[in-house]
Structure formats: C-alpha cells, structure tokens
Amino acid sequence: MILIVFIIFLILVLCVAASCVKIVPQAKAYVIERLGAYRVTWSTGLHIKMPFIERVARKVNLKEQVVDFPPQPVITKDNVTMSIDTVIFFQITDPKLFAYGVESPIMAIENLTATTLRNIIGEMELDETLTSREIINAKMSSALDIATDPWGIKVNRVELKNIMPPAAIQEAMEKQMKAERERRESILIAEGEKKSTILVAEGKKESAILDAEAEKTAAILRAEAEKEKMIREAEGEAEAILKVQKANADGIRFLKEAGADESVLTLKSLEALGTLANGNSTKIVVPSDLQGLAGLATSLKEIIKE
C-alpha cells in the first residue's frame, strides 16, 4: 500500500515538474504571472516556472497579422454616402502592453479604424476620395499607429480594399467611363488613319524621288554615251586626216628623194587635172602655166612607149 502511494506521489511530482518546463517557439512570446501579477515575458527558448504560483497568462503571436474589416458606411464632404472596407497589417511589439493594455485588441482596432476613416473621408469630396486612395492609406496608417502604440501594437500599413459609392453614382461613373473609352478609341482610330495617310504620302514621295533620280541618271548616261560617240567619231576623222596628210607627205618626200624633175611634177599636175575633170564639175579653169602642156604630154607619151 505504501509502495502504491509512493508511486502515485512520484507520478504527480513528475507531472508537475513537466508542466513547469516550457519551450517558447519562434515568433512567440509568453506573458508570465505570479500570484495574479505580471512577472516576466518569456521569449524564444526553454523556460521553467514555479509550480502553482506562476502561470502563463497569455501566449502572444509576434508575426505580422492581417485583419480584413467589413465595409464601413462613411459620408463625404459633399454628403455622398459610400461603403469602404479596409485591410489592416499590424504587428505586436510589446506583449505586456498587448496583454494588459486593452480588452479585445482586434475589436478596438476595428472601431478605431472606422472612426479614423470617417474623419478622413468627411474632409474630402467624392471625386477626391476616388482618386486619393494612397493619401487615405497613408493618413490611416499614421493615425492608427499612433493610437495603437499604448497597446503594444504597431500598424504597418492600411489598405482600402473597396470604395463603393451609391448605385446611381456608380451608374453615372460607368457611363462616363464608357464615353471616355469611346472618345479615346475615336482618337486612336483618327491617329491611326492619320499615320496611315502620312505613310502613304511619304511612300509616294519616295517613289517619285526615286523615279526622278533614275530618269536623271539615265539622261546623264545617255548624254555621256552620245558625248563618247562624238569624241570617238572626231578622233576617227582626225586620225584619218592625219593618215592622209602623212601619205601626202610621204609621197612628196619620195618624189624629192627620187630626184624628180620639173617634167615629172608637171605630169603629176596633169594627173590631178584629169582627176578633177572626171568629177561632177562642168567648168574647169586651166592655169596659164599649163599652156605648153600639150607638147610636153606628147613627149612624155613617147618616153613612156620606149
């Protein structure tokens, strides 16, 4: 019987000792109370508490948390009621303040968010509200961060998830956006047609320039060919004249080298005269120094026969 009681007592001691050993995981913090009063905050690691008089009052998550609040009705400066839902990104920086600072911290943040949002939107008109989302986010984040600091909470950022104006305003906005899209489409079509016309005109201009340049080049080539032809013809005629002159000069030189007398020269003159007589001319003028040519011709004829 004593052995059984001892075993039971030993088991109870082991259970109590085991319950006093705590391991705090990463990104967690434990708030420890002793006899109902705050004692210490445990961070990540192994910890041992005193049995019966100390307890883990709260386990705090140190990760960044996201809370999506339902849409809140707000009124703009120009008396337009709209619904806006927000998303809050926050992180607990002081587990003690979070545990003892406010009851139901998430509910407190939600109410604070709705109040802050109404104050900011109440100073803005509808058009400004729809186009100033980043400004509203910055103002909300700054105001909530200051307000939640005593609770050990840091608001990292605030995002307006949806801004929903009344149905009539939504319909008017949709019509306006449709008209704007149609206007932009018309502008794009007109610009496309304009660019197409410009491209066609530039193509015709380029084609005309190329045709003119081709015609110019052809004219230049034709002129150069005609010029080359005339040059070659002139060179040929000049070369023929030079050959004739050279032949005449060679003939005269040959006569001189052969020692031709006056009779031979006179005979050559007669041959030239005969050539002239065989031409188309109907009248021949005989020089005065050729009057005695008849007798000379007879003498030459006899010489040639011998």
Protein backbone atom coordinates (compact mmCIF):
# COMPACT_ATOMS: atom_id res chain seq x y z
CA MET A 1 0.00 0.00 0.00
CA ILE A 2 2.80 2.40 0.87
CA LEU A 3 4.51 1.49 -2.38
CA ILE A 4 1.41 2.35 -4.38
CA VAL A 5 1.08 5.72 -2.64
CA PHE A 6 4.73 6.45 -3.32
CA ILE A 7 4.35 5.59 -6.97
CA ILE A 8 1.30 7.83 -7.27
CA PHE A 9 3.13 10.65 -5.49
CA LEU A 10 6.13 10.22 -7.78
CA ILE A 11 3.91 10.37 -10.86
CA LEU A 12 2.26 13.56 -9.60
CA VAL A 13 5.67 15.15 -8.94
CA LEU A 14 6.83 14.26 -12.44
CA CYS A 15 3.65 15.68 -13.97
CA VAL A 16 4.01 18.90 -12.03
CA ALA A 17 7.70 19.18 -12.96
CA ALA A 18 6.90 18.55 -16.58
CA SER A 19 4.20 21.23 -16.53
CA CYS A 20 6.74 23.72 -15.20
CA VAL A 21 9.05 23.25 -18.19
CA LYS A 22 8.01 25.40 -21.13
CA ILE A 23 9.52 25.80 -24.61
CA VAL A 24 8.62 29.05 -26.36
CA PRO A 25 8.65 28.61 -30.16
CA GLN A 26 9.96 31.09 -32.71
CA ALA A 27 7.89 34.29 -33.21
CA LYS A 28 6.04 33.71 -29.96
CA ALA A 29 6.15 35.33 -26.51
CA TYR A 30 4.65 34.14 -23.22
CA VAL A 31 3.39 36.55 -20.58
CA ILE A 32 4.03 35.04 -17.10
CA GLU A 33 2.08 36.00 -13.96
CA ARG A 34 2.97 35.16 -10.37
CA LEU A 35 0.04 35.05 -7.97
CA GLY A 36 -2.03 37.06 -10.47
CA ALA A 37 0.54 39.81 -11.05
CA TYR A 38 2.72 40.30 -14.13
CA ARG A 39 6.19 38.88 -13.57
CA VAL A 40 8.08 38.46 -16.87
CA THR A 41 7.78 37.92 -20.62
CA TRP A 42 9.42 34.80 -21.98
CA SER A 43 10.99 34.93 -25.43
CA THR A 44 12.01 32.03 -27.66
CA GLY A 45 13.74 29.16 -25.80
CA LEU A 46 13.49 26.84 -22.78
CA HIS A 47 11.97 28.21 -19.54
CA ILE A 48 10.96 26.82 -16.14
CA LYS A 49 8.23 28.34 -13.98
CA MET A 50 7.46 27.86 -10.36
CA PRO A 51 4.61 25.41 -9.84
CA PHE A 52 1.23 26.55 -8.55
CA ILE A 53 2.21 30.21 -8.03
CA GLU A 54 3.22 31.09 -11.65
CA ARG A 55 1.23 30.62 -14.79
CA VAL A 56 1.33 31.52 -18.50
CA ALA A 57 -1.19 34.34 -18.65
CA ARG A 58 -1.08 34.86 -22.46
CA LYS A 59 0.65 33.48 -25.49
CA VAL A 60 1.35 36.30 -27.92
CA ASN A 61 1.97 35.91 -31.67
CA LEU A 62 4.77 38.27 -32.80
CA LYS A 63 4.26 37.72 -36.55
CA GLU A 64 2.73 40.38 -38.75
CA GLN A 65 -1.01 39.82 -38.83
CA VAL A 66 -3.70 40.82 -41.32
CA VAL A 67 -7.24 41.74 -40.39
CA ASP A 68 -9.94 42.36 -43.01
CA PHE A 69 -12.69 44.54 -41.60
CA PRO A 70 -16.20 44.59 -43.14
CA PRO A 71 -17.38 47.65 -45.11
CA GLN A 72 -17.98 50.78 -43.07
CA PRO A 73 -20.52 53.46 -44.12
CA VAL A 74 -18.89 56.89 -44.44
CA ILE A 75 -20.11 60.29 -45.65
CA THR A 76 -18.00 62.55 -47.84
CA LYS A 77 -17.72 66.31 -47.59
CA ASP A 78 -20.31 66.74 -50.37
CA ASN A 79 -22.80 64.47 -48.48
CA VAL A 80 -22.37 61.28 -50.50
CA THR A 81 -22.69 58.06 -48.51
CA MET A 82 -20.39 55.24 -49.53
CA SER A 83 -19.10 51.98 -48.08
CA ILE A 84 -15.39 51.32 -47.62
CA ASP A 85 -13.80 48.12 -46.36
CA THR A 86 -10.24 48.18 -45.06
CA VAL A 87 -7.39 45.74 -44.52
CA ILE A 88 -5.03 46.34 -41.58
CA PHE A 89 -1.48 44.95 -41.37
CA PHE A 90 -0.21 45.09 -37.79
CA GLN A 91 2.38 43.50 -35.52
CA ILE A 92 2.60 43.12 -31.73
CA THR A 93 5.78 44.77 -30.49
CA ASP A 94 5.18 44.68 -26.69
CA PRO A 95 3.48 41.52 -25.36
CA LYS A 96 2.94 43.05 -21.90
CA LEU A 97 1.10 46.11 -23.23
CA PHE A 98 -0.87 43.91 -25.61
CA ALA A 99 -1.93 41.64 -22.73
CA TYR A 100 -2.87 44.40 -20.30
CA GLY A 101 -3.38 47.50 -22.42
CA VAL A 102 -6.87 46.97 -23.84
CA GLU A 103 -9.58 44.37 -23.75
CA SER A 104 -10.20 42.70 -27.13
CA PRO A 105 -7.43 44.48 -29.08
CA ILE A 106 -8.77 43.42 -32.52
CA MET A 107 -12.21 44.84 -31.78
CA ALA A 108 -10.58 48.00 -30.52
CA ILE A 109 -8.56 48.33 -33.74
CA GLU A 110 -11.71 47.80 -35.83
CA ASN A 111 -13.62 50.54 -34.02
CA LEU A 112 -10.63 52.85 -34.17
CA THR A 113 -10.29 52.19 -37.90
CA ALA A 114 -13.96 53.03 -38.58
CA THR A 115 -13.71 56.28 -36.59
CA THR A 116 -10.48 57.37 -38.26
CA LEU A 117 -11.83 56.53 -41.72
CA ARG A 118 -14.98 58.61 -41.15
CA ASN A 119 -12.89 61.57 -40.01
CA ILE A 120 -10.59 61.43 -43.06
CA ILE A 121 -13.35 60.84 -45.65
CA GLY A 122 -15.50 63.56 -44.08
CA GLU A 123 -12.89 66.13 -45.10
CA MET A 124 -12.81 65.01 -48.74
CA GLU A 125 -15.26 65.23 -51.65
CA LEU A 126 -16.36 62.20 -53.67
CA ASP A 127 -14.04 62.75 -56.64
CA GLU A 128 -11.08 63.33 -54.34
CA THR A 129 -11.93 60.20 -52.38
CA LEU A 130 -11.97 58.06 -55.51
CA THR A 131 -8.61 59.37 -56.73
CA SER A 132 -6.72 59.71 -53.42
CA ARG A 133 -6.54 56.12 -52.24
CA GLU A 134 -2.80 56.32 -51.45
CA ILE A 135 -3.25 59.54 -49.46
CA ILE A 136 -6.08 57.98 -47.42
CA ASN A 137 -3.97 54.86 -46.77
CA ALA A 138 -1.06 56.96 -45.50
CA LYS A 139 -3.26 59.07 -43.22
CA MET A 140 -5.00 55.97 -41.83
CA SER A 141 -1.71 54.19 -41.18
CA SER A 142 -0.20 57.17 -39.38
CA ALA A 143 -3.28 57.79 -37.19
CA LEU A 144 -3.76 54.13 -36.24
CA ASP A 145 -0.07 53.61 -35.49
CA ILE A 146 -0.11 56.47 -33.00
CA ALA A 147 -3.39 55.35 -31.41
CA THR A 148 -2.36 51.68 -31.00
CA ASP A 149 1.14 52.35 -29.66
CA PRO A 150 -0.06 52.24 -25.98
CA TRP A 151 -1.49 48.79 -26.68
CA GLY A 152 1.88 47.39 -27.81
CA ILE A 153 0.68 47.22 -31.44
CA LYS A 154 2.36 48.72 -34.49
CA VAL A 155 0.20 49.30 -37.56
CA ASN A 156 2.50 48.79 -40.54
CA ARG A 157 0.05 49.81 -43.27
CA VAL A 158 -3.61 50.21 -44.12
CA GLU A 159 -5.20 49.39 -47.47
CA LEU A 160 -8.63 50.48 -48.70
CA LYS A 161 -9.90 47.28 -50.27
CA ASN A 162 -13.05 48.61 -51.93
CA ILE A 163 -14.69 52.02 -52.27
CA MET A 164 -18.34 51.57 -53.15
CA PRO A 165 -20.34 54.73 -53.93
CA PRO A 166 -24.16 54.64 -54.26
CA ALA A 167 -25.70 52.75 -57.18
CA ALA A 168 -26.80 55.93 -59.01
CA ILE A 169 -23.30 57.38 -58.82
CA GLN A 170 -21.79 54.05 -59.92
CA GLU A 171 -24.09 54.05 -62.97
CA ALA A 172 -23.15 57.64 -63.82
CA MET A 173 -19.47 56.81 -63.41
CA GLU A 174 -19.82 53.77 -65.67
CA LYS A 175 -21.46 55.92 -68.37
CA GLN A 176 -18.71 58.49 -68.01
CA MET A 177 -16.01 55.83 -68.27
CA LYS A 178 -17.75 54.33 -71.32
CA ALA A 179 -17.88 57.74 -73.01
CA GLU A 180 -14.22 58.28 -72.15
CA ARG A 181 -13.28 54.90 -73.62
CA GLU A 182 -15.21 55.67 -76.80
CA ARG A 183 -13.52 59.07 -77.03
CA ARG A 184 -10.08 57.50 -76.65
CA GLU A 185 -10.98 54.85 -79.22
CA SER A 186 -12.02 57.56 -81.70
CA ILE A 187 -8.77 59.42 -81.06
CA LEU A 188 -6.73 56.26 -81.59
CA ILE A 189 -8.59 55.46 -84.83
CA ALA A 190 -8.09 59.02 -86.10
CA GLU A 191 -4.41 58.93 -85.21
CA GLY A 192 -4.07 55.56 -86.96
CA GLU A 193 -5.71 56.90 -90.11
CA LYS A 194 -3.53 60.00 -89.98
CA LYS A 195 -0.38 57.93 -89.65
CA SER A 196 -1.53 55.68 -92.49
CA THR A 197 -2.14 58.69 -94.75
CA ILE A 198 1.25 60.11 -93.87
CA LEU A 199 2.93 56.79 -94.62
CA VAL A 200 1.19 56.53 -98.00
CA ALA A 201 2.15 60.11 -98.88
CA GLU A 202 5.73 59.52 -97.80
CA GLY A 203 5.79 56.33 -99.88
CA LYS A 204 4.53 58.18 -102.98
CA LYS A 205 7.03 60.97 -102.36
CA GLU A 206 9.87 58.49 -102.01
CA SER A 207 8.75 56.71 -105.17
CA ALA A 208 8.63 59.99 -107.12
CA ILE A 209 12.09 60.92 -105.86
CA LEU A 210 13.46 57.52 -106.88
CA ASP A 211 11.84 57.81 -110.33
CA ALA A 212 13.29 61.30 -110.82
CA GLU A 213 16.72 60.16 -109.72
CA ALA A 214 16.50 57.16 -112.08
CA GLU A 215 15.48 59.40 -115.00
CA LYS A 216 18.25 61.83 -114.17
CA THR A 217 20.79 59.02 -114.05
CA ALA A 218 19.52 57.63 -117.38
CA ALA A 219 19.72 61.10 -119.03
CA ILE A 220 23.25 61.55 -117.74
CA LEU A 221 24.25 58.14 -119.04
CA ARG A 222 22.67 58.86 -122.46
CA ALA A 223 24.44 62.23 -122.66
CA GLU A 224 27.73 60.66 -121.67
CA ALA A 225 27.24 57.91 -124.29
CA GLU A 226 26.45 60.49 -127.02
CA LYS A 227 29.45 62.53 -125.94
CA GLU A 228 31.66 59.46 -126.03
CA LYS A 229 30.33 58.60 -129.51
CA MET A 230 31.04 62.10 -130.85
CA ILE A 231 34.51 62.05 -129.29
CA ARG A 232 35.29 58.71 -130.90
CA GLU A 233 33.95 59.86 -134.30
CA ALA A 234 36.02 63.07 -134.08
CA GLU A 235 39.07 61.07 -133.07
CA GLY A 236 38.49 58.72 -136.05
CA GLU A 237 38.14 61.61 -138.50
CA ALA A 238 41.22 63.28 -137.05
CA GLU A 239 43.15 60.03 -137.33
CA ALA A 240 42.03 59.62 -140.99
CA ILE A 241 43.11 63.17 -141.80
CA LEU A 242 46.42 62.55 -140.12
CA LYS A 243 46.92 59.39 -142.18
CA VAL A 244 46.04 61.22 -145.44
CA GLN A 245 48.38 64.06 -144.58
CA LYS A 246 51.07 61.56 -143.68
CA ALA A 247 50.57 59.74 -147.01
CA ASN A 248 50.82 63.03 -148.95
CA ALA A 249 53.91 63.97 -147.01
CA ASP A 250 55.42 60.54 -147.67
CA GLY A 251 54.66 60.91 -151.41
CA ILE A 252 56.25 64.33 -151.67
CA ARG A 253 59.28 63.12 -149.73
CA PHE A 254 59.54 60.10 -152.03
CA LEU A 255 59.50 62.36 -155.12
CA LYS A 256 62.13 64.58 -153.64
CA GLU A 257 64.31 61.62 -152.66
CA ALA A 258 63.87 60.17 -156.19
CA GLY A 259 65.13 63.43 -157.69
CA ALA A 260 62.01 64.07 -159.80
CA ASP A 261 62.47 66.92 -162.31
CA GLU A 262 60.04 69.54 -163.46
CA SER A 263 58.61 67.19 -166.07
CA VAL A 264 57.56 64.63 -163.53
CA LEU A 265 55.98 67.26 -161.33
CA THR A 266 54.15 68.63 -164.34
CA LEU A 267 52.91 65.11 -165.15
CA LYS A 268 51.58 64.75 -161.64
CA SER A 269 49.77 68.02 -162.07
CA LEU A 270 48.18 66.70 -165.26
CA GLU A 271 47.05 63.58 -163.47
CA ALA A 272 45.48 65.75 -160.81
CA LEU A 273 43.80 67.80 -163.51
CA GLY A 274 42.45 64.64 -165.09
CA THR A 275 41.03 63.62 -161.80
CA LEU A 276 39.31 66.95 -161.47
CA ALA A 277 37.93 66.60 -164.97
CA ASN A 278 36.36 63.25 -164.14
CA GLY A 279 34.37 64.89 -161.33
CA ASN A 280 30.88 66.38 -161.47
CA SER A 281 32.12 69.88 -162.19
CA THR A 282 31.12 71.28 -165.64
CA LYS A 283 33.69 74.02 -165.80
CA ILE A 284 37.50 73.72 -165.37
CA VAL A 285 39.81 76.70 -165.09
CA VAL A 286 43.25 75.94 -166.54
CA PRO A 287 46.14 77.91 -165.11
CA SER A 288 48.36 79.96 -167.54
CA ASP A 289 51.49 77.97 -166.82
CA LEU A 290 49.85 74.86 -168.30
CA GLN A 291 49.54 76.25 -171.92
CA GLY A 292 52.51 74.26 -173.13
CA LEU A 293 51.31 71.10 -171.60
CA ALA A 294 50.18 69.58 -174.90
CA GLY A 295 53.65 69.36 -176.31
CA LEU A 296 55.01 68.14 -173.04
CA ALA A 297 52.39 65.46 -172.90
CA THR A 298 53.30 64.21 -176.37
CA SER A 299 56.94 64.00 -175.37
CA LEU A 300 56.10 62.10 -172.24
CA LYS A 301 53.93 59.71 -174.22
CA GLU A 302 56.82 58.83 -176.48
CA ILE A 303 59.11 58.35 -173.46
CA ILE A 304 56.63 56.03 -171.82
CA LYS A 305 56.31 53.92 -175.01
CA GLU A 306 60.08 53.46 -175.20
